[in-house]
């Protein structure tokens, strides 16, 4: 019953996240979202204090290739040492798969980035969806799942998930603060990252169920 409940929750999360992404993909270029994106980017370029931009940089690095590579290599080494092959496959799929999928989506939508002034050089890739936001949800989320399963204390798990959720939000918001993404880019990135993570978890649950002989089986 517990496994069925978990599958149901993940399925609902997947559907909700995909629905959010599709809605944003269809509406980001139309009002009121287009106006919100433009006005927010103009406000950031004109009014956002410089100290906020500098505070945003470490979180942007965390969600970029530097931070994710360090975390990914460390997680891979630990999982190989444990011989946790299914967990390793889950993590690699969540980590690399989400980035590859976002690259394809960026080419498909080909949305220009904000052109009103950025605190850092604008990346050459397209804007929609935000790869940093998607990675903050998928990759950091996958790490949180694996770490939480290895913690015996409920309080420690709650603390872990709170920190990871805050970090994922900060990564996405940092891209808005640096004016390299519109608000809808980040929202879509979060939706896609959550959907990808939920899909990876559902596949892992199915593979686990297939490996478990269950009561009365041999």
C-alpha atoms as a PDB file:
ATOM      1  CA  UNK A   1       0.000   0.000   0.000  1.00  0.00           C
ATOM      2  CA  UNK A   2       2.830   2.368   0.815  1.00  0.00           C
ATOM      3  CA  UNK A   3       4.421   1.812  -2.601  1.00  0.00           C
ATOM      4  CA  UNK A   4       1.101   2.443  -4.346  1.00  0.00           C
ATOM      5  CA  UNK A   5       0.653   5.657  -2.404  1.00  0.00           C
ATOM      6  CA  UNK A   6       4.145   6.815  -3.348  1.00  0.00           C
ATOM      7  CA  UNK A   7       3.522   5.972  -7.006  1.00  0.00           C
ATOM      8  CA  UNK A   8       0.268   7.936  -6.890  1.00  0.00           C
ATOM      9  CA  UNK A   9       1.969  10.972  -5.351  1.00  0.00           C
ATOM     10  CA  UNK A  10       4.757  10.931  -7.914  1.00  0.00           C
ATOM     11  CA  UNK A  11       2.249  10.541 -10.748  1.00  0.00           C
ATOM     12  CA  UNK A  12       0.240  13.532  -9.535  1.00  0.00           C
ATOM     13  CA  UNK A  13       3.435  15.567  -9.173  1.00  0.00           C
ATOM     14  CA  UNK A  14       4.535  14.595 -12.686  1.00  0.00           C
ATOM     15  CA  UNK A  15       1.206  15.562 -14.248  1.00  0.00           C
ATOM     16  CA  UNK A  16       1.069  18.871 -12.343  1.00  0.00           C
ATOM     17  CA  UNK A  17       4.628  19.816 -13.303  1.00  0.00           C
ATOM     18  CA  UNK A  18       4.145  18.906 -16.974  1.00  0.00           C
ATOM     19  CA  UNK A  19       0.901  20.882 -17.028  1.00  0.00           C
ATOM     20  CA  UNK A  20       2.688  23.903 -15.578  1.00  0.00           C
ATOM     21  CA  UNK A  21       5.475  23.664 -18.129  1.00  0.00           C
ATOM     22  CA  UNK A  22       3.100  23.341 -21.071  1.00  0.00           C
ATOM     23  CA  UNK A  23       1.016  26.287 -19.850  1.00  0.00           C
ATOM     24  CA  UNK A  24       4.120  28.467 -19.573  1.00  0.00           C
ATOM     25  CA  UNK A  25       5.412  27.332 -22.959  1.00  0.00           C
ATOM     26  CA  UNK A  26       2.135  28.338 -24.590  1.00  0.00           C
ATOM     27  CA  UNK A  27       1.716  31.647 -22.747  1.00  0.00           C
ATOM     28  CA  UNK A  28       5.158  33.192 -22.091  1.00  0.00           C
ATOM     29  CA  UNK A  29       5.094  35.176 -25.335  1.00  0.00           C
ATOM     30  CA  UNK A  30       1.629  36.617 -24.688  1.00  0.00           C
ATOM     31  CA  UNK A  31       0.222  39.071 -22.154  1.00  0.00           C
ATOM     32  CA  UNK A  32       0.076  39.218 -19.222  1.00  0.00           C
ATOM     33  CA  UNK A  33       3.200  37.038 -18.902  1.00  0.00           C
ATOM     34  CA  UNK A  34       5.145  38.817 -21.658  1.00  0.00           C
ATOM     35  CA  UNK A  35       4.574  42.183 -20.000  1.00  0.00           C
ATOM     36  CA  UNK A  36       5.490  40.796 -16.585  1.00  0.00           C
ATOM     37  CA  UNK A  37       8.737  39.374 -17.963  1.00  0.00           C
ATOM     38  CA  UNK A  38       9.688  42.604 -19.685  1.00  0.00           C
ATOM     39  CA  UNK A  39       8.852  44.861 -16.754  1.00  0.00           C
ATOM     40  CA  UNK A  40      10.649  42.608 -14.260  1.00  0.00           C
ATOM     41  CA  UNK A  41      13.796  42.535 -16.401  1.00  0.00           C
ATOM     42  CA  UNK A  42      13.702  46.332 -16.737  1.00  0.00           C
ATOM     43  CA  UNK A  43      13.237  46.737 -12.973  1.00  0.00           C
ATOM     44  CA  UNK A  44      16.144  44.405 -12.228  1.00  0.00           C
ATOM     45  CA  UNK A  45      18.412  46.318 -14.626  1.00  0.00           C
ATOM     46  CA  UNK A  46      17.367  49.680 -13.214  1.00  0.00           C
ATOM     47  CA  UNK A  47      16.623  49.194  -9.513  1.00  0.00           C
ATOM     48  CA  UNK A  48      18.075  45.970  -8.113  1.00  0.00           C
ATOM     49  CA  UNK A  49      20.899  46.738  -5.628  1.00  0.00           C
ATOM     50  CA  UNK A  50      24.342  45.561  -6.673  1.00  0.00           C
ATOM     51  CA  UNK A  51      24.765  43.622  -3.436  1.00  0.00           C
ATOM     52  CA  UNK A  52      21.880  41.353  -4.452  1.00  0.00           C
ATOM     53  CA  UNK A  53      23.621  40.599  -7.735  1.00  0.00           C
ATOM     54  CA  UNK A  54      26.806  39.599  -5.915  1.00  0.00           C
ATOM     55  CA  UNK A  55      24.825  37.482  -3.455  1.00  0.00           C
ATOM     56  CA  UNK A  56      23.190  35.740  -6.421  1.00  0.00           C
ATOM     57  CA  UNK A  57      26.467  34.720  -8.078  1.00  0.00           C
ATOM     58  CA  UNK A  58      27.362  31.761  -5.783  1.00  0.00           C
ATOM     59  CA  UNK A  59      23.916  30.238  -6.269  1.00  0.00           C
ATOM     60  CA  UNK A  60      24.230  30.708 -10.017  1.00  0.00           C
ATOM     61  CA  UNK A  61      27.564  28.851  -9.885  1.00  0.00           C
ATOM     62  CA  UNK A  62      25.939  26.104  -7.810  1.00  0.00           C
ATOM     63  CA  UNK A  63      23.351  25.484 -10.531  1.00  0.00           C
ATOM     64  CA  UNK A  64      25.904  25.802 -13.337  1.00  0.00           C
ATOM     65  CA  UNK A  65      28.412  23.338 -14.704  1.00  0.00           C
ATOM     66  CA  UNK A  66      30.998  24.049 -11.988  1.00  0.00           C
ATOM     67  CA  UNK A  67      28.781  23.322  -8.999  1.00  0.00           C
ATOM     68  CA  UNK A  68      26.863  20.466 -10.593  1.00  0.00           C
ATOM     69  CA  UNK A  69      30.035  18.791 -11.850  1.00  0.00           C
ATOM     70  CA  UNK A  70      31.575  18.804  -8.385  1.00  0.00           C
ATOM     71  CA  UNK A  71      28.395  17.475  -6.794  1.00  0.00           C
ATOM     72  CA  UNK A  72      27.884  14.932  -9.555  1.00  0.00           C
ATOM     73  CA  UNK A  73      31.397  13.517  -9.346  1.00  0.00           C
ATOM     74  CA  UNK A  74      31.231  13.259  -5.555  1.00  0.00           C
ATOM     75  CA  UNK A  75      27.838  11.517  -5.661  1.00  0.00           C
ATOM     76  CA  UNK A  76      28.985   9.120  -8.385  1.00  0.00           C
ATOM     77  CA  UNK A  77      32.088   8.102  -6.426  1.00  0.00           C
ATOM     78  CA  UNK A  78      30.045   7.412  -3.289  1.00  0.00           C
ATOM     79  CA  UNK A  79      27.412   5.383  -5.138  1.00  0.00           C
ATOM     80  CA  UNK A  80      30.065   3.325  -6.949  1.00  0.00           C
ATOM     81  CA  UNK A  81      31.756   2.582  -3.630  1.00  0.00           C
ATOM     82  CA  UNK A  82      28.389   1.395  -2.265  1.00  0.00           C
ATOM     83  CA  UNK A  83      27.755  -0.618  -5.441  1.00  0.00           C
ATOM     84  CA  UNK A  84      24.334   1.011  -5.497  1.00  0.00           C
ATOM     85  CA  UNK A  85      23.916   0.540  -9.238  1.00  0.00           C
ATOM     86  CA  UNK A  86      20.211   1.302  -9.463  1.00  0.00           C
ATOM     87  CA  UNK A  87      20.687   4.503  -7.447  1.00  0.00           C
ATOM     88  CA  UNK A  88      23.629   5.408  -9.680  1.00  0.00           C
ATOM     89  CA  UNK A  89      21.541   4.913 -12.818  1.00  0.00           C
ATOM     90  CA  UNK A  90      18.754   7.005 -11.273  1.00  0.00           C
ATOM     91  CA  UNK A  91      21.138   9.822 -10.383  1.00  0.00           C
ATOM     92  CA  UNK A  92      22.908   9.877 -13.754  1.00  0.00           C
ATOM     93  CA  UNK A  93      19.577   9.927 -15.580  1.00  0.00           C
ATOM     94  CA  UNK A  94      18.264  12.751 -13.415  1.00  0.00           C
ATOM     95  CA  UNK A  95      21.559  14.655 -13.593  1.00  0.00           C
ATOM     96  CA  UNK A  96      22.660  14.298 -17.212  1.00  0.00           C
ATOM     97  CA  UNK A  97      19.290  13.508 -18.761  1.00  0.00           C
ATOM     98  CA  UNK A  98      17.694  16.713 -17.523  1.00  0.00           C
ATOM     99  CA  UNK A  99      20.521  18.807 -18.933  1.00  0.00           C
ATOM    100  CA  UNK A 100      20.374  17.127 -22.331  1.00  0.00           C
ATOM    101  CA  UNK A 101      16.593  17.496 -22.463  1.00  0.00           C
ATOM    102  CA  UNK A 102      16.814  21.192 -21.561  1.00  0.00           C
ATOM    103  CA  UNK A 103      19.366  21.730 -24.339  1.00  0.00           C
ATOM    104  CA  UNK A 104      16.910  20.267 -26.843  1.00  0.00           C
ATOM    105  CA  UNK A 105      14.063  22.421 -25.491  1.00  0.00           C
ATOM    106  CA  UNK A 106      16.195  25.562 -25.702  1.00  0.00           C
ATOM    107  CA  UNK A 107      16.899  24.872 -29.373  1.00  0.00           C
ATOM    108  CA  UNK A 108      13.209  24.233 -29.978  1.00  0.00           C
ATOM    109  CA  UNK A 109      11.880  27.426 -28.365  1.00  0.00           C
ATOM    110  CA  UNK A 110      14.896  29.600 -29.254  1.00  0.00           C
ATOM    111  CA  UNK A 111      13.780  32.438 -27.002  1.00  0.00           C
ATOM    112  CA  UNK A 112      16.133  35.445 -26.741  1.00  0.00           C
ATOM    113  CA  UNK A 113      17.450  36.383 -23.310  1.00  0.00           C
ATOM    114  CA  UNK A 114      16.726  39.748 -21.637  1.00  0.00           C
ATOM    115  CA  UNK A 115      18.460  42.539 -23.518  1.00  0.00           C
ATOM    116  CA  UNK A 116      18.116  45.337 -20.945  1.00  0.00           C
ATOM    117  CA  UNK A 117      21.381  44.828 -19.101  1.00  0.00           C
ATOM    118  CA  UNK A 118      22.889  41.859 -17.303  1.00  0.00           C
ATOM    119  CA  UNK A 119      25.342  41.669 -14.420  1.00  0.00           C
ATOM    120  CA  UNK A 120      27.234  38.898 -16.249  1.00  0.00           C
ATOM    121  CA  UNK A 121      27.871  38.125 -19.929  1.00  0.00           C
ATOM    122  CA  UNK A 122      24.795  36.580 -21.509  1.00  0.00           C
ATOM    123  CA  UNK A 123      25.215  32.878 -22.349  1.00  0.00           C
ATOM    124  CA  UNK A 124      24.983  31.971 -26.017  1.00  0.00           C
ATOM    125  CA  UNK A 125      22.188  29.454 -25.443  1.00  0.00           C
ATOM    126  CA  UNK A 126      18.509  30.361 -25.636  1.00  0.00           C
ATOM    127  CA  UNK A 127      16.524  31.410 -22.589  1.00  0.00           C
ATOM    128  CA  UNK A 128      13.530  29.074 -22.320  1.00  0.00           C
ATOM    129  CA  UNK A 129      13.548  27.068 -20.117  1.00  0.00           C
ATOM    130  CA  UNK A 130      16.216  27.925 -17.557  1.00  0.00           C
ATOM    131  CA  UNK A 131      18.764  25.138 -17.340  1.00  0.00           C
ATOM    132  CA  UNK A 132      19.913  26.318 -13.920  1.00  0.00           C
ATOM    133  CA  UNK A 133      16.375  26.151 -12.529  1.00  0.00           C
ATOM    134  CA  UNK A 134      15.762  22.741 -14.076  1.00  0.00           C
ATOM    135  CA  UNK A 135      19.043  21.394 -12.694  1.00  0.00           C
ATOM    136  CA  UNK A 136      18.304  22.889  -9.307  1.00  0.00           C
ATOM    137  CA  UNK A 137      15.118  20.831  -9.222  1.00  0.00           C
ATOM    138  CA  UNK A 138      16.224  17.618 -10.946  1.00  0.00           C
ATOM    139  CA  UNK A 139      19.872  17.197  -9.949  1.00  0.00           C
ATOM    140  CA  UNK A 140      19.724  18.656  -6.452  1.00  0.00           C
ATOM    141  CA  UNK A 141      16.415  16.880  -5.922  1.00  0.00           C
ATOM    142  CA  UNK A 142      17.930  13.539  -6.916  1.00  0.00           C
ATOM    143  CA  UNK A 143      20.818  14.092  -4.513  1.00  0.00           C
ATOM    144  CA  UNK A 144      18.347  14.947  -1.759  1.00  0.00           C
ATOM    145  CA  UNK A 145      16.353  11.765  -2.411  1.00  0.00           C
ATOM    146  CA  UNK A 146      19.456   9.581  -2.180  1.00  0.00           C
ATOM    147  CA  UNK A 147      20.788  11.367   0.888  1.00  0.00           C
ATOM    148  CA  UNK A 148      17.425  11.289   2.686  1.00  0.00           C
ATOM    149  CA  UNK A 149      17.141   7.536   2.149  1.00  0.00           C
ATOM    150  CA  UNK A 150      20.428   7.131   3.980  1.00  0.00           C
ATOM    151  CA  UNK A 151      19.398   9.196   7.002  1.00  0.00           C
ATOM    152  CA  UNK A 152      17.714   7.513   9.943  1.00  0.00           C
ATOM    153  CA  UNK A 153      16.521  10.678  11.678  1.00  0.00           C
ATOM    154  CA  UNK A 154      13.257  12.241  10.513  1.00  0.00           C
ATOM    155  CA  UNK A 155      14.443  15.635  11.742  1.00  0.00           C
ATOM    156  CA  UNK A 156      17.596  15.309   9.664  1.00  0.00           C
ATOM    157  CA  UNK A 157      15.537  14.456   6.579  1.00  0.00           C
ATOM    158  CA  UNK A 158      13.274  17.464   7.098  1.00  0.00           C
ATOM    159  CA  UNK A 159      16.313  19.699   7.529  1.00  0.00           C
ATOM    160  CA  UNK A 160      17.913  18.240   4.404  1.00  0.00           C
ATOM    161  CA  UNK A 161      14.843  18.777   2.243  1.00  0.00           C
ATOM    162  CA  UNK A 162      14.383  22.314   3.568  1.00  0.00           C
ATOM    163  CA  UNK A 163      17.965  23.204   2.664  1.00  0.00           C
ATOM    164  CA  UNK A 164      17.738  21.617  -0.790  1.00  0.00           C
ATOM    165  CA  UNK A 165      14.415  23.334  -1.547  1.00  0.00           C
ATOM    166  CA  UNK A 166      15.869  26.689  -0.482  1.00  0.00           C
ATOM    167  CA  UNK A 167      18.970  26.085  -2.612  1.00  0.00           C
ATOM    168  CA  UNK A 168      16.871  25.145  -5.642  1.00  0.00           C
ATOM    169  CA  UNK A 169      14.779  28.294  -5.273  1.00  0.00           C
ATOM    170  CA  UNK A 170      17.897  30.423  -4.816  1.00  0.00           C
ATOM    171  CA  UNK A 171      19.518  28.975  -7.937  1.00  0.00           C
ATOM    172  CA  UNK A 172      16.516  29.886 -10.063  1.00  0.00           C
ATOM    173  CA  UNK A 173      16.056  33.332  -8.519  1.00  0.00           C
ATOM    174  CA  UNK A 174      19.752  34.078  -9.011  1.00  0.00           C
ATOM    175  CA  UNK A 175      19.271  33.863 -12.774  1.00  0.00           C
ATOM    176  CA  UNK A 176      16.537  36.490 -12.589  1.00  0.00           C
ATOM    177  CA  UNK A 177      18.658  38.706 -10.327  1.00  0.00           C
ATOM    178  CA  UNK A 178      21.555  38.500 -12.793  1.00  0.00           C
ATOM    179  CA  UNK A 179      19.101  39.303 -15.627  1.00  0.00           C
ATOM    180  CA  UNK A 180      20.084  36.355 -17.779  1.00  0.00           C
ATOM    181  CA  UNK A 181      16.581  34.846 -17.635  1.00  0.00           C
ATOM    182  CA  UNK A 182      13.010  36.042 -17.608  1.00  0.00           C
ATOM    183  CA  UNK A 183      10.706  35.013 -14.779  1.00  0.00           C
ATOM    184  CA  UNK A 184       8.817  32.555 -16.990  1.00  0.00           C
ATOM    185  CA  UNK A 185      12.104  30.905 -18.042  1.00  0.00           C
ATOM    186  CA  UNK A 186      12.830  30.089 -14.416  1.00  0.00           C
ATOM    187  CA  UNK A 187       9.276  28.974 -13.621  1.00  0.00           C
ATOM    188  CA  UNK A 188       9.352  26.666 -16.641  1.00  0.00           C
ATOM    189  CA  UNK A 189      12.753  25.350 -15.597  1.00  0.00           C
ATOM    190  CA  UNK A 190      11.448  24.480 -12.149  1.00  0.00           C
ATOM    191  CA  UNK A 191       8.400  22.754 -13.644  1.00  0.00           C
ATOM    192  CA  UNK A 192      10.514  20.753 -16.065  1.00  0.00           C
ATOM    193  CA  UNK A 193      13.067  19.793 -13.428  1.00  0.00           C
ATOM    194  CA  UNK A 194      10.373  18.584 -11.037  1.00  0.00           C
ATOM    195  CA  UNK A 195       8.660  16.643 -13.831  1.00  0.00           C
ATOM    196  CA  UNK A 196      11.937  15.005 -14.851  1.00  0.00           C
ATOM    197  CA  UNK A 197      12.764  14.074 -11.261  1.00  0.00           C
ATOM    198  CA  UNK A 198       9.289  12.610 -10.722  1.00  0.00           C
ATOM    199  CA  UNK A 199       9.572  10.563 -13.922  1.00  0.00           C
ATOM    200  CA  UNK A 200      12.986   9.224 -12.895  1.00  0.00           C
ATOM    201  CA  UNK A 201      11.629   8.277  -9.463  1.00  0.00           C
ATOM    202  CA  UNK A 202       8.666   6.470 -11.015  1.00  0.00           C
ATOM    203  CA  UNK A 203      10.981   4.435 -13.237  1.00  0.00           C
ATOM    204  CA  UNK A 204      13.183   3.601 -10.257  1.00  0.00           C
ATOM    205  CA  UNK A 205      10.150   2.488  -8.257  1.00  0.00           C
ATOM    206  CA  UNK A 206       9.055   0.244 -11.120  1.00  0.00           C
ATOM    207  CA  UNK A 207      12.533  -1.293 -11.420  1.00  0.00           C
ATOM    208  CA  UNK A 208      12.671  -1.852  -7.666  1.00  0.00           C
ATOM    209  CA  UNK A 209       9.279  -3.561  -7.747  1.00  0.00           C
ATOM    210  CA  UNK A 210      10.480  -5.813 -10.555  1.00  0.00           C
ATOM    211  CA  UNK A 211      13.511  -6.870  -8.534  1.00  0.00           C
ATOM    212  CA  UNK A 212      11.462  -7.564  -5.371  1.00  0.00           C
ATOM    213  CA  UNK A 213      10.078 -11.130  -5.505  1.00  0.00           C
ATOM    214  CA  UNK A 214       7.363 -10.191  -2.994  1.00  0.00           C
ATOM    215  CA  UNK A 215       5.715 -12.431  -0.370  1.00  0.00           C
ATOM    216  CA  UNK A 216       5.457 -16.080  -1.241  1.00  0.00           C
ATOM    217  CA  UNK A 217       7.749 -15.832  -4.256  1.00  0.00           C
ATOM    218  CA  UNK A 218      11.215 -17.198  -4.761  1.00  0.00           C
END
